[in-house]
Amino acid sequence: MVDDPSLPWRHKPTRSDIACFSWLGVVAVYSLVMMVARPTLLGFAPHVLASLGSWSGLVMVGARAAVGDPWWPLVWAVATLGLIKFDWVYWWAGKLWGRNLIEGLVGRSERARRTNVMAERFARRFETLAIVVTFLPLPLPRAVIFAVLGEAGTSLRKFLSVSVAASFVSAGCYLAVGYWIGEPAVAAMDAYGRYLFYVSIAILAVLVGSYWWKNRQAPQA
């Protein structure tokens, strides 16, 4: 396990290594589950989806608030934590494994590498601002930014304090966008929400099919 290039450490793993690596596994599984469940939750349980930290769920709850839904304050509070629920894992991983982890996150494609290298430089230069911009609706490599901050020595207290504040503001903004859209968004979801279950089924079929195809091609490689 010490010399395995697929692992982020280059030493005998400690309890912290194993625990953090396990949490990264939890994040990966959660991401796959949410990829499948998100359309269904958006149609049938937007409050749950929003509370888990989904931008689309927050917009829908905001739209429902415009037509009298009273639960938006509670959703706002819970979603503030939901948006940052796993951010600390990447900070911790960066603190533990530094360059080994960051190099693994950067990726192999040249385009992804350029994007992630720019994100790393930005995070090292603008510590607090780097945390804030990850809450904007931009295609930013959040995992790389958080890992860099952990490796660079950003304290956990500062990291979480800025994250909670930025999360609270951004959740409120997404709710406000939904409130501004209002009834048309609710009416559209009422009309088409029932079909989102089939979107979840289609996504699951694609994931299973891709996994099967890769396994089938592996012996031929």
C-alpha atoms as a PDB file:
ATOM      1  CA  MET A   1       0.000   0.000   0.000  1.00  0.00           C
ATOM      2  CA  VAL A   2       2.972   2.324   0.539  1.00  0.00           C
ATOM      3  CA  ASP A   3       4.122   2.217  -3.113  1.00  0.00           C
ATOM      4  CA  ASP A   4       0.708   1.998  -4.761  1.00  0.00           C
ATOM      5  CA  PRO A   5       0.548   4.976  -7.192  1.00  0.00           C
ATOM      6  CA  SER A   6      -3.256   4.961  -7.060  1.00  0.00           C
ATOM      7  CA  LEU A   7      -3.165   5.986  -3.387  1.00  0.00           C
ATOM      8  CA  PRO A   8      -2.417   9.548  -2.277  1.00  0.00           C
ATOM      9  CA  TRP A   9       0.090   8.676   0.452  1.00  0.00           C
ATOM     10  CA  ARG A  10       3.698   7.552   0.134  1.00  0.00           C
ATOM     11  CA  HIS A  11       4.104   6.121   3.617  1.00  0.00           C
ATOM     12  CA  LYS A  12       2.538   3.556   5.867  1.00  0.00           C
ATOM     13  CA  PRO A  13      -1.080   4.795   6.200  1.00  0.00           C
ATOM     14  CA  THR A  14      -2.111   6.180   9.542  1.00  0.00           C
ATOM     15  CA  ARG A  15      -5.586   6.212  11.042  1.00  0.00           C
ATOM     16  CA  SER A  16      -6.071   9.721   9.660  1.00  0.00           C
ATOM     17  CA  ASP A  17      -5.118   8.532   6.170  1.00  0.00           C
ATOM     18  CA  ILE A  18      -7.600   5.670   6.295  1.00  0.00           C
ATOM     19  CA  ALA A  19     -10.377   7.819   7.767  1.00  0.00           C
ATOM     20  CA  CYS A  20      -9.956  10.619   5.221  1.00  0.00           C
ATOM     21  CA  PHE A  21      -9.706   8.164   2.320  1.00  0.00           C
ATOM     22  CA  SER A  22     -12.902   6.503   3.545  1.00  0.00           C
ATOM     23  CA  TRP A  23     -14.654   9.874   3.611  1.00  0.00           C
ATOM     24  CA  LEU A  24     -13.568  10.490   0.029  1.00  0.00           C
ATOM     25  CA  GLY A  25     -15.229   7.200  -0.820  1.00  0.00           C
ATOM     26  CA  VAL A  26     -18.412   8.357   0.911  1.00  0.00           C
ATOM     27  CA  VAL A  27     -18.347  11.556  -1.152  1.00  0.00           C
ATOM     28  CA  ALA A  28     -17.936   9.563  -4.375  1.00  0.00           C
ATOM     29  CA  VAL A  29     -20.841   7.239  -3.572  1.00  0.00           C
ATOM     30  CA  TYR A  30     -23.042  10.159  -2.515  1.00  0.00           C
ATOM     31  CA  SER A  31     -22.293  11.965  -5.776  1.00  0.00           C
ATOM     32  CA  LEU A  32     -23.326   8.944  -7.832  1.00  0.00           C
ATOM     33  CA  VAL A  33     -26.533   8.468  -5.845  1.00  0.00           C
ATOM     34  CA  MET A  34     -27.452  12.143  -6.183  1.00  0.00           C
ATOM     35  CA  MET A  35     -26.739  12.098  -9.899  1.00  0.00           C
ATOM     36  CA  VAL A  36     -29.520   9.530 -10.234  1.00  0.00           C
ATOM     37  CA  ALA A  37     -31.868  10.864  -7.547  1.00  0.00           C
ATOM     38  CA  ARG A  38     -31.656  14.619  -8.270  1.00  0.00           C
ATOM     39  CA  PRO A  39     -34.332  14.780 -11.018  1.00  0.00           C
ATOM     40  CA  THR A  40     -36.819  12.780  -8.935  1.00  0.00           C
ATOM     41  CA  LEU A  41     -36.173  14.827  -5.805  1.00  0.00           C
ATOM     42  CA  LEU A  42     -36.560  18.054  -7.766  1.00  0.00           C
ATOM     43  CA  GLY A  43     -39.991  16.946  -8.919  1.00  0.00           C
ATOM     44  CA  PHE A  44     -41.317  15.313  -5.762  1.00  0.00           C
ATOM     45  CA  ALA A  45     -39.243  16.616  -2.809  1.00  0.00           C
ATOM     46  CA  PRO A  46     -37.581  19.954  -3.675  1.00  0.00           C
ATOM     47  CA  HIS A  47     -37.276  20.891   0.011  1.00  0.00           C
ATOM     48  CA  VAL A  48     -35.167  17.798   0.669  1.00  0.00           C
ATOM     49  CA  LEU A  49     -33.053  18.425  -2.407  1.00  0.00           C
ATOM     50  CA  ALA A  50     -32.490  22.059  -1.447  1.00  0.00           C
ATOM     51  CA  SER A  51     -31.592  21.123   2.131  1.00  0.00           C
ATOM     52  CA  LEU A  52     -28.902  18.798   0.779  1.00  0.00           C
ATOM     53  CA  GLY A  53     -27.296  21.776  -0.947  1.00  0.00           C
ATOM     54  CA  SER A  54     -28.674  21.636  -4.481  1.00  0.00           C
ATOM     55  CA  TRP A  55     -28.820  24.944  -6.341  1.00  0.00           C
ATOM     56  CA  SER A  56     -31.744  23.785  -8.470  1.00  0.00           C
ATOM     57  CA  GLY A  57     -33.592  22.682  -5.340  1.00  0.00           C
ATOM     58  CA  LEU A  58     -33.059  26.091  -3.722  1.00  0.00           C
ATOM     59  CA  VAL A  59     -34.385  27.877  -6.795  1.00  0.00           C
ATOM     60  CA  MET A  60     -37.490  25.682  -6.769  1.00  0.00           C
ATOM     61  CA  VAL A  61     -38.104  26.287  -3.050  1.00  0.00           C
ATOM     62  CA  GLY A  62     -37.767  30.013  -3.703  1.00  0.00           C
ATOM     63  CA  ALA A  63     -40.338  29.733  -6.465  1.00  0.00           C
ATOM     64  CA  ARG A  64     -42.684  27.897  -4.126  1.00  0.00           C
ATOM     65  CA  ALA A  65     -42.175  30.618  -1.514  1.00  0.00           C
ATOM     66  CA  ALA A  66     -43.551  33.104  -4.043  1.00  0.00           C
ATOM     67  CA  VAL A  67     -46.850  31.202  -4.072  1.00  0.00           C
ATOM     68  CA  GLY A  68     -47.102  30.831  -0.301  1.00  0.00           C
ATOM     69  CA  ASP A  69     -44.819  27.954   0.718  1.00  0.00           C
ATOM     70  CA  PRO A  70     -43.762  28.708   4.338  1.00  0.00           C
ATOM     71  CA  TRP A  71     -40.749  26.393   4.666  1.00  0.00           C
ATOM     72  CA  TRP A  72     -38.111  28.499   2.920  1.00  0.00           C
ATOM     73  CA  PRO A  73     -36.502  29.915   6.131  1.00  0.00           C
ATOM     74  CA  LEU A  74     -35.845  26.427   7.491  1.00  0.00           C
ATOM     75  CA  VAL A  75     -34.583  25.245   4.113  1.00  0.00           C
ATOM     76  CA  TRP A  76     -32.262  28.263   3.935  1.00  0.00           C
ATOM     77  CA  ALA A  77     -30.748  27.417   7.312  1.00  0.00           C
ATOM     78  CA  VAL A  78     -30.279  23.720   6.560  1.00  0.00           C
ATOM     79  CA  ALA A  79     -29.034  24.335   3.018  1.00  0.00           C
ATOM     80  CA  THR A  80     -26.335  26.631   4.368  1.00  0.00           C
ATOM     81  CA  LEU A  81     -24.776  23.529   5.901  1.00  0.00           C
ATOM     82  CA  GLY A  82     -25.834  21.280   3.036  1.00  0.00           C
ATOM     83  CA  LEU A  83     -23.830  23.286   0.524  1.00  0.00           C
ATOM     84  CA  ILE A  84     -20.593  22.741   2.481  1.00  0.00           C
ATOM     85  CA  LYS A  85     -21.214  19.291   3.943  1.00  0.00           C
ATOM     86  CA  PHE A  86     -18.182  17.677   2.266  1.00  0.00           C
ATOM     87  CA  ASP A  87     -15.880  20.651   1.677  1.00  0.00           C
ATOM     88  CA  TRP A  88     -13.890  19.913   4.821  1.00  0.00           C
ATOM     89  CA  VAL A  89     -13.028  16.441   3.468  1.00  0.00           C
ATOM     90  CA  TYR A  90     -11.031  17.925   0.586  1.00  0.00           C
ATOM     91  CA  TRP A  91      -9.402  20.469   2.907  1.00  0.00           C
ATOM     92  CA  TRP A  92      -8.374  17.607   5.211  1.00  0.00           C
ATOM     93  CA  ALA A  93      -7.126  15.507   2.296  1.00  0.00           C
ATOM     94  CA  GLY A  94      -5.023  18.414   1.049  1.00  0.00           C
ATOM     95  CA  LYS A  95      -3.578  18.918   4.526  1.00  0.00           C
ATOM     96  CA  LEU A  96      -2.690  15.227   4.799  1.00  0.00           C
ATOM     97  CA  TRP A  97      -1.352  14.467   1.332  1.00  0.00           C
ATOM     98  CA  GLY A  98      -0.468  17.794  -0.278  1.00  0.00           C
ATOM     99  CA  ARG A  99       1.000  17.570  -3.781  1.00  0.00           C
ATOM    100  CA  ASN A 100       0.283  13.856  -4.130  1.00  0.00           C
ATOM    101  CA  LEU A 101      -3.456  14.506  -3.860  1.00  0.00           C
ATOM    102  CA  ILE A 102      -3.447  17.713  -5.885  1.00  0.00           C
ATOM    103  CA  GLU A 103      -1.630  16.032  -8.769  1.00  0.00           C
ATOM    104  CA  GLY A 104      -4.212  13.254  -8.700  1.00  0.00           C
ATOM    105  CA  LEU A 105      -7.095  15.735  -8.795  1.00  0.00           C
ATOM    106  CA  VAL A 106      -5.633  17.758 -11.648  1.00  0.00           C
ATOM    107  CA  GLY A 107      -6.437  15.036 -14.172  1.00  0.00           C
ATOM    108  CA  ARG A 108      -4.799  13.791 -17.335  1.00  0.00           C
ATOM    109  CA  SER A 109      -6.523  15.755 -20.094  1.00  0.00           C
ATOM    110  CA  GLU A 110      -4.648  18.884 -21.118  1.00  0.00           C
ATOM    111  CA  ARG A 111      -7.728  21.096 -20.863  1.00  0.00           C
ATOM    112  CA  ALA A 112      -8.574  19.891 -17.359  1.00  0.00           C
ATOM    113  CA  ARG A 113      -4.951  20.242 -16.309  1.00  0.00           C
ATOM    114  CA  ARG A 114      -4.794  23.868 -17.451  1.00  0.00           C
ATOM    115  CA  THR A 115      -8.039  24.709 -15.644  1.00  0.00           C
ATOM    116  CA  ASN A 116      -6.948  23.037 -12.429  1.00  0.00           C
ATOM    117  CA  VAL A 117      -3.470  24.574 -12.494  1.00  0.00           C
ATOM    118  CA  MET A 118      -5.058  28.023 -12.837  1.00  0.00           C
ATOM    119  CA  ALA A 119      -7.409  27.212  -9.947  1.00  0.00           C
ATOM    120  CA  GLU A 120      -4.442  26.124  -7.825  1.00  0.00           C
ATOM    121  CA  ARG A 121      -2.554  29.353  -8.491  1.00  0.00           C
ATOM    122  CA  PHE A 122      -5.654  31.408  -7.728  1.00  0.00           C
ATOM    123  CA  ALA A 123      -6.253  29.559  -4.439  1.00  0.00           C
ATOM    124  CA  ARG A 124      -2.661  30.078  -3.307  1.00  0.00           C
ATOM    125  CA  ARG A 125      -2.763  33.796  -4.083  1.00  0.00           C
ATOM    126  CA  PHE A 126      -6.286  34.704  -2.963  1.00  0.00           C
ATOM    127  CA  GLU A 127      -7.058  32.476  -0.003  1.00  0.00           C
ATOM    128  CA  THR A 128     -10.378  33.911   1.239  1.00  0.00           C
ATOM    129  CA  LEU A 129     -11.626  34.996  -2.180  1.00  0.00           C
ATOM    130  CA  ALA A 130     -10.884  31.518  -3.520  1.00  0.00           C
ATOM    131  CA  ILE A 131     -13.339  30.043  -0.997  1.00  0.00           C
ATOM    132  CA  VAL A 132     -16.014  32.606  -1.839  1.00  0.00           C
ATOM    133  CA  VAL A 133     -15.912  32.127  -5.618  1.00  0.00           C
ATOM    134  CA  THR A 134     -16.536  28.384  -5.287  1.00  0.00           C
ATOM    135  CA  PHE A 135     -20.128  29.269  -4.373  1.00  0.00           C
ATOM    136  CA  LEU A 136     -20.733  31.043  -7.673  1.00  0.00           C
ATOM    137  CA  PRO A 137     -22.475  29.106 -10.480  1.00  0.00           C
ATOM    138  CA  LEU A 138     -19.202  28.602 -12.324  1.00  0.00           C
ATOM    139  CA  PRO A 139     -17.504  25.379 -13.503  1.00  0.00           C
ATOM    140  CA  LEU A 140     -14.748  25.611 -10.915  1.00  0.00           C
ATOM    141  CA  PRO A 141     -12.762  22.611  -9.603  1.00  0.00           C
ATOM    142  CA  ARG A 142     -13.861  23.056  -5.984  1.00  0.00           C
ATOM    143  CA  ALA A 143     -12.053  19.917  -4.816  1.00  0.00           C
ATOM    144  CA  VAL A 144      -8.731  21.230  -6.141  1.00  0.00           C
ATOM    145  CA  ILE A 145      -9.223  24.650  -4.520  1.00  0.00           C
ATOM    146  CA  PHE A 146     -10.093  23.179  -1.126  1.00  0.00           C
ATOM    147  CA  ALA A 147      -7.235  20.680  -1.254  1.00  0.00           C
ATOM    148  CA  VAL A 148      -4.784  23.452  -2.138  1.00  0.00           C
ATOM    149  CA  LEU A 149      -6.001  25.534   0.810  1.00  0.00           C
ATOM    150  CA  GLY A 150      -5.511  22.570   3.135  1.00  0.00           C
ATOM    151  CA  GLU A 151      -2.013  21.951   1.783  1.00  0.00           C
ATOM    152  CA  ALA A 152      -1.149  25.669   1.942  1.00  0.00           C
ATOM    153  CA  GLY A 153      -1.944  25.886   5.648  1.00  0.00           C
ATOM    154  CA  THR A 154      -5.324  27.635   5.747  1.00  0.00           C
ATOM    155  CA  SER A 155      -6.703  26.986   9.232  1.00  0.00           C
ATOM    156  CA  LEU A 156      -9.838  24.880   9.557  1.00  0.00           C
ATOM    157  CA  ARG A 157     -11.498  27.645  11.581  1.00  0.00           C
ATOM    158  CA  LYS A 158     -10.958  30.210   8.845  1.00  0.00           C
ATOM    159  CA  PHE A 159     -11.922  27.770   6.113  1.00  0.00           C
ATOM    160  CA  LEU A 160     -15.209  26.854   7.784  1.00  0.00           C
ATOM    161  CA  SER A 161     -16.028  30.411   8.872  1.00  0.00           C
ATOM    162  CA  VAL A 162     -15.680  31.806   5.356  1.00  0.00           C
ATOM    163  CA  SER A 163     -17.462  28.785   3.886  1.00  0.00           C
ATOM    164  CA  VAL A 164     -20.477  29.109   6.186  1.00  0.00           C
ATOM    165  CA  ALA A 165     -20.806  32.846   5.521  1.00  0.00           C
ATOM    166  CA  ALA A 166     -20.485  32.433   1.751  1.00  0.00           C
ATOM    167  CA  SER A 167     -22.844  29.464   1.786  1.00  0.00           C
ATOM    168  CA  PHE A 168     -25.501  31.423   3.683  1.00  0.00           C
ATOM    169  CA  VAL A 169     -25.361  34.308   1.212  1.00  0.00           C
ATOM    170  CA  SER A 170     -25.336  32.099  -1.889  1.00  0.00           C
ATOM    171  CA  ALA A 171     -28.253  29.968  -0.628  1.00  0.00           C
ATOM    172  CA  GLY A 172     -30.226  33.157  -0.066  1.00  0.00           C
ATOM    173  CA  CYS A 173     -29.409  34.343  -3.592  1.00  0.00           C
ATOM    174  CA  TYR A 174     -30.650  31.115  -5.164  1.00  0.00           C
ATOM    175  CA  LEU A 175     -33.846  31.323  -3.131  1.00  0.00           C
ATOM    176  CA  ALA A 176     -34.264  34.925  -4.298  1.00  0.00           C
ATOM    177  CA  VAL A 177     -33.833  33.895  -7.936  1.00  0.00           C
ATOM    178  CA  GLY A 178     -36.562  31.288  -7.491  1.00  0.00           C
ATOM    179  CA  TYR A 179     -38.817  33.822  -5.764  1.00  0.00           C
ATOM    180  CA  TRP A 180     -38.312  36.223  -8.680  1.00  0.00           C
ATOM    181  CA  ILE A 181     -39.274  33.519 -11.186  1.00  0.00           C
ATOM    182  CA  GLY A 182     -42.200  32.553  -8.987  1.00  0.00           C
ATOM    183  CA  GLU A 183     -45.367  30.893 -10.224  1.00  0.00           C
ATOM    184  CA  PRO A 184     -44.184  29.974 -13.775  1.00  0.00           C
ATOM    185  CA  ALA A 185     -41.498  27.685 -12.312  1.00  0.00           C
ATOM    186  CA  VAL A 186     -44.005  26.042  -9.957  1.00  0.00           C
ATOM    187  CA  ALA A 187     -46.514  25.564 -12.767  1.00  0.00           C
ATOM    188  CA  ALA A 188     -43.865  24.036 -15.031  1.00  0.00           C
ATOM    189  CA  MET A 189     -42.785  21.615 -12.313  1.00  0.00           C
ATOM    190  CA  ASP A 190     -46.399  20.672 -11.584  1.00  0.00           C
ATOM    191  CA  ALA A 191     -46.898  19.944 -15.275  1.00  0.00           C
ATOM    192  CA  TYR A 192     -43.681  18.061 -16.018  1.00  0.00           C
ATOM    193  CA  GLY A 193     -42.362  17.001 -12.610  1.00  0.00           C
ATOM    194  CA  ARG A 194     -43.922  13.547 -12.865  1.00  0.00           C
ATOM    195  CA  TYR A 195     -41.665  12.772 -15.840  1.00  0.00           C
ATOM    196  CA  LEU A 196     -38.465  13.523 -13.930  1.00  0.00           C
ATOM    197  CA  PHE A 197     -38.639  10.056 -12.378  1.00  0.00           C
ATOM    198  CA  TYR A 198     -38.005   8.641 -15.832  1.00  0.00           C
ATOM    199  CA  VAL A 199     -35.035  10.970 -16.223  1.00  0.00           C
ATOM    200  CA  SER A 200     -33.566   9.391 -13.076  1.00  0.00           C
ATOM    201  CA  ILE A 201     -34.151   5.935 -14.559  1.00  0.00           C
ATOM    202  CA  ALA A 202     -32.436   6.982 -17.787  1.00  0.00           C
ATOM    203  CA  ILE A 203     -29.405   8.323 -15.899  1.00  0.00           C
ATOM    204  CA  LEU A 204     -29.158   5.088 -13.911  1.00  0.00           C
ATOM    205  CA  ALA A 205     -29.350   3.071 -17.129  1.00  0.00           C
ATOM    206  CA  VAL A 206     -26.539   5.131 -18.664  1.00  0.00           C
ATOM    207  CA  LEU A 207     -24.328   4.673 -15.584  1.00  0.00           C
ATOM    208  CA  VAL A 208     -24.917   0.924 -15.461  1.00  0.00           C
ATOM    209  CA  GLY A 209     -24.427   0.628 -19.205  1.00  0.00           C
ATOM    210  CA  SER A 210     -21.168   2.575 -19.101  1.00  0.00           C
ATOM    211  CA  TYR A 211     -19.862   0.439 -16.246  1.00  0.00           C
ATOM    212  CA  TRP A 212     -20.794  -2.768 -18.100  1.00  0.00           C
ATOM    213  CA  TRP A 213     -19.191  -1.575 -21.341  1.00  0.00           C
ATOM    214  CA  LYS A 214     -15.919  -0.610 -19.640  1.00  0.00           C
ATOM    215  CA  ASN A 215     -15.742  -3.995 -17.903  1.00  0.00           C
ATOM    216  CA  ARG A 216     -16.415  -5.739 -21.191  1.00  0.00           C
ATOM    217  CA  GLN A 217     -13.689  -3.795 -22.996  1.00  0.00           C
ATOM    218  CA  ALA A 218     -11.098  -4.191 -20.206  1.00  0.00           C
ATOM    219  CA  PRO A 219     -10.081  -7.820 -21.034  1.00  0.00           C
ATOM    220  CA  GLN A 220      -9.593  -6.790 -24.678  1.00  0.00           C
ATOM    221  CA  ALA A 221      -7.287  -3.875 -23.794  1.00  0.00           C
END
